Amino acid sequence: MDMDTTGGAMLEGPNGTRHSYDGEIVGSGSNTTYYGRTTDGSFIDYIVSRTASGITSGKKSETLAE
C-alpha cells in the first residue's frame, strides 16, 4: 500500500491484514526506493520502487534479514 513519497509502503496481506512497518526511503523527488521491514512480529523485509505514478515494483527481500 503506497504511503506517498515521504511515507514508504505498508504491506497488506491477502486477507486485508495491514502490517505495521518501519524503513528507510532512499532517493529524492518522484523516484525513490523504500527498504522496509514489518514491526508486528511477522519478520518480513521488503523493497519497493516508486515513481510519480506510484509503486512500480515491490518484492520480499532476503538480503535485509540479519
N, C-alpha and C. Protein backbone atom coordinates (compact mmCIF):
# COMPACT_ATOMS: atom_id res chain seq x y z
N MET A 1 0.85 -1.16 0.00
CA MET A 1 0.00 0.00 0.00
C MET A 1 0.91 1.24 0.00
N ASP A 2 0.72 2.10 -0.96
CA ASP A 2 1.53 3.30 -1.12
C ASP A 2 1.19 4.31 -0.03
N MET A 3 2.21 4.79 0.66
CA MET A 3 2.01 5.78 1.72
C MET A 3 2.56 7.14 1.31
N ASP A 4 2.59 7.43 0.00
CA ASP A 4 3.06 8.69 -0.58
C ASP A 4 4.59 8.74 -0.56
N THR A 5 5.15 9.79 -1.12
CA THR A 5 6.60 9.86 -1.32
C THR A 5 7.38 9.96 -0.02
N THR A 6 6.78 10.37 1.07
CA THR A 6 7.51 10.50 2.33
C THR A 6 7.14 9.44 3.34
N GLY A 7 6.25 8.52 2.99
CA GLY A 7 5.76 7.57 3.96
C GLY A 7 6.13 6.13 3.72
N GLY A 8 6.82 5.81 2.63
CA GLY A 8 7.19 4.44 2.36
C GLY A 8 6.02 3.62 1.85
N ALA A 9 6.00 2.35 2.22
CA ALA A 9 4.96 1.45 1.75
C ALA A 9 4.61 0.43 2.84
N MET A 10 3.33 0.22 3.04
CA MET A 10 2.85 -0.74 4.03
C MET A 10 2.45 -2.02 3.32
N LEU A 11 2.78 -3.17 3.92
CA LEU A 11 2.34 -4.44 3.36
C LEU A 11 0.91 -4.73 3.79
N GLU A 12 0.13 -5.20 2.84
CA GLU A 12 -1.24 -5.62 3.12
C GLU A 12 -1.37 -7.07 2.67
N GLY A 13 -1.76 -7.94 3.59
CA GLY A 13 -1.89 -9.36 3.29
C GLY A 13 -3.10 -9.66 2.43
N PRO A 14 -3.17 -10.88 1.89
CA PRO A 14 -4.29 -11.28 1.04
C PRO A 14 -5.65 -11.18 1.73
N ASN A 15 -5.65 -11.30 3.05
CA ASN A 15 -6.91 -11.22 3.79
C ASN A 15 -7.22 -9.80 4.28
N GLY A 16 -6.40 -8.82 3.84
CA GLY A 16 -6.62 -7.43 4.21
C GLY A 16 -5.86 -6.98 5.45
N THR A 17 -5.12 -7.88 6.08
CA THR A 17 -4.34 -7.52 7.26
C THR A 17 -3.25 -6.53 6.88
N ARG A 18 -3.20 -5.41 7.57
CA ARG A 18 -2.15 -4.42 7.35
C ARG A 18 -1.06 -4.61 8.39
N HIS A 19 0.18 -4.70 7.91
CA HIS A 19 1.33 -4.92 8.79
C HIS A 19 1.97 -3.60 9.16
N SER A 20 2.20 -3.37 10.46
CA SER A 20 2.95 -2.18 10.86
C SER A 20 4.36 -2.29 10.29
N TYR A 21 5.00 -1.16 10.05
CA TYR A 21 6.26 -1.18 9.33
C TYR A 21 7.19 -0.05 9.74
N ASP A 22 8.45 -0.18 9.35
CA ASP A 22 9.46 0.84 9.53
C ASP A 22 10.45 0.66 8.40
N GLY A 23 11.17 1.70 8.04
CA GLY A 23 12.14 1.55 6.98
C GLY A 23 12.81 2.85 6.61
N GLU A 24 13.48 2.81 5.47
CA GLU A 24 14.26 3.95 5.01
C GLU A 24 13.94 4.23 3.55
N ILE A 25 13.70 5.50 3.24
CA ILE A 25 13.48 5.93 1.87
C ILE A 25 14.81 6.42 1.32
N VAL A 26 15.21 5.88 0.16
CA VAL A 26 16.45 6.29 -0.50
C VAL A 26 16.09 6.94 -1.82
N GLY A 27 16.69 8.07 -2.10
CA GLY A 27 16.39 8.82 -3.31
C GLY A 27 15.61 10.06 -2.94
N SER A 28 15.29 10.85 -3.96
CA SER A 28 14.54 12.06 -3.69
C SER A 28 13.61 12.35 -4.86
N GLY A 29 12.70 13.25 -4.63
CA GLY A 29 11.74 13.59 -5.67
C GLY A 29 10.78 12.45 -5.93
N SER A 30 10.50 12.21 -7.19
CA SER A 30 9.49 11.21 -7.52
C SER A 30 10.05 9.80 -7.69
N ASN A 31 11.37 9.63 -7.75
CA ASN A 31 11.96 8.30 -7.91
C ASN A 31 12.66 7.89 -6.62
N THR A 32 12.03 7.01 -5.87
CA THR A 32 12.60 6.57 -4.60
C THR A 32 12.53 5.05 -4.47
N THR A 33 13.36 4.54 -3.59
CA THR A 33 13.32 3.13 -3.22
C THR A 33 13.12 3.08 -1.71
N TYR A 34 12.20 2.24 -1.28
CA TYR A 34 11.90 2.10 0.14
C TYR A 34 12.36 0.73 0.61
N TYR A 35 13.23 0.70 1.61
CA TYR A 35 13.70 -0.54 2.22
C TYR A 35 12.95 -0.67 3.54
N GLY A 36 12.00 -1.59 3.58
CA GLY A 36 11.13 -1.69 4.74
C GLY A 36 11.20 -3.03 5.45
N ARG A 37 10.65 -3.03 6.65
CA ARG A 37 10.50 -4.28 7.41
C ARG A 37 9.28 -4.15 8.29
N THR A 38 8.58 -5.25 8.44
CA THR A 38 7.40 -5.22 9.30
C THR A 38 7.85 -5.17 10.75
N THR A 39 7.02 -4.58 11.60
CA THR A 39 7.34 -4.46 13.02
C THR A 39 6.30 -5.14 13.89
N ASP A 40 5.49 -6.00 13.28
CA ASP A 40 4.42 -6.66 14.02
C ASP A 40 4.75 -8.10 14.39
N GLY A 41 6.01 -8.49 14.25
CA GLY A 41 6.40 -9.85 14.59
C GLY A 41 6.38 -10.81 13.43
N SER A 42 5.98 -10.36 12.23
CA SER A 42 5.94 -11.26 11.07
C SER A 42 7.31 -11.36 10.37
N PHE A 43 8.24 -10.48 10.71
CA PHE A 43 9.63 -10.54 10.24
C PHE A 43 9.75 -10.58 8.72
N ILE A 44 9.07 -9.66 8.03
CA ILE A 44 9.15 -9.58 6.57
C ILE A 44 9.94 -8.34 6.19
N ASP A 45 11.01 -8.54 5.42
CA ASP A 45 11.79 -7.44 4.86
C ASP A 45 11.38 -7.29 3.41
N TYR A 46 11.29 -6.06 2.92
CA TYR A 46 10.82 -5.85 1.55
C TYR A 46 11.40 -4.58 0.96
N ILE A 47 11.40 -4.52 -0.37
CA ILE A 47 11.91 -3.38 -1.13
C ILE A 47 10.81 -2.93 -2.09
N VAL A 48 10.56 -1.62 -2.14
CA VAL A 48 9.53 -1.07 -3.01
C VAL A 48 10.12 0.09 -3.82
N SER A 49 9.92 0.06 -5.13
CA SER A 49 10.34 1.16 -6.01
C SER A 49 9.12 2.01 -6.32
N ARG A 50 9.35 3.33 -6.36
CA ARG A 50 8.24 4.26 -6.56
C ARG A 50 8.63 5.36 -7.52
N THR A 51 7.70 5.76 -8.37
CA THR A 51 7.85 6.94 -9.24
C THR A 51 6.69 7.88 -8.94
N ALA A 52 6.59 8.96 -9.69
CA ALA A 52 5.50 9.91 -9.50
C ALA A 52 4.13 9.27 -9.72
N SER A 53 4.10 8.18 -10.49
CA SER A 53 2.84 7.47 -10.77
C SER A 53 2.42 6.54 -9.64
N GLY A 54 3.32 6.28 -8.70
CA GLY A 54 3.03 5.37 -7.60
C GLY A 54 4.03 4.22 -7.58
N ILE A 55 3.67 3.15 -6.89
CA ILE A 55 4.55 1.99 -6.76
C ILE A 55 4.68 1.30 -8.11
N THR A 56 5.93 1.04 -8.51
CA THR A 56 6.17 0.35 -9.78
C THR A 56 6.59 -1.09 -9.58
N SER A 57 7.17 -1.41 -8.42
CA SER A 57 7.53 -2.80 -8.11
C SER A 57 7.74 -2.94 -6.62
N GLY A 58 7.59 -4.16 -6.16
CA GLY A 58 7.83 -4.48 -4.77
C GLY A 58 8.14 -5.95 -4.64
N LYS A 59 9.03 -6.29 -3.72
CA LYS A 59 9.37 -7.69 -3.52
C LYS A 59 9.88 -7.94 -2.12
N LYS A 60 9.75 -9.16 -1.69
CA LYS A 60 10.32 -9.59 -0.42
C LYS A 60 11.82 -9.60 -0.57
N SER A 61 12.53 -9.17 0.44
CA SER A 61 13.99 -9.12 0.37
C SER A 61 14.59 -10.16 1.29
N GLU A 62 15.42 -11.00 0.74
CA GLU A 62 16.17 -11.97 1.55
C GLU A 62 17.43 -11.35 2.11
N THR A 63 17.89 -10.23 1.53
CA THR A 63 19.17 -9.66 1.90
C THR A 63 19.11 -8.72 3.10
N LEU A 64 17.92 -8.24 3.48
CA LEU A 64 17.81 -7.31 4.59
C LEU A 64 17.82 -8.02 5.94
N ALA A 65 17.46 -9.27 5.97
CA ALA A 65 17.39 -10.00 7.24
C ALA A 65 18.77 -10.15 7.84
N GLU A 66 18.85 -9.96 9.14
CA GLU A 66 20.13 -10.11 9.83
C GLU A 66 20.08 -11.26 10.79
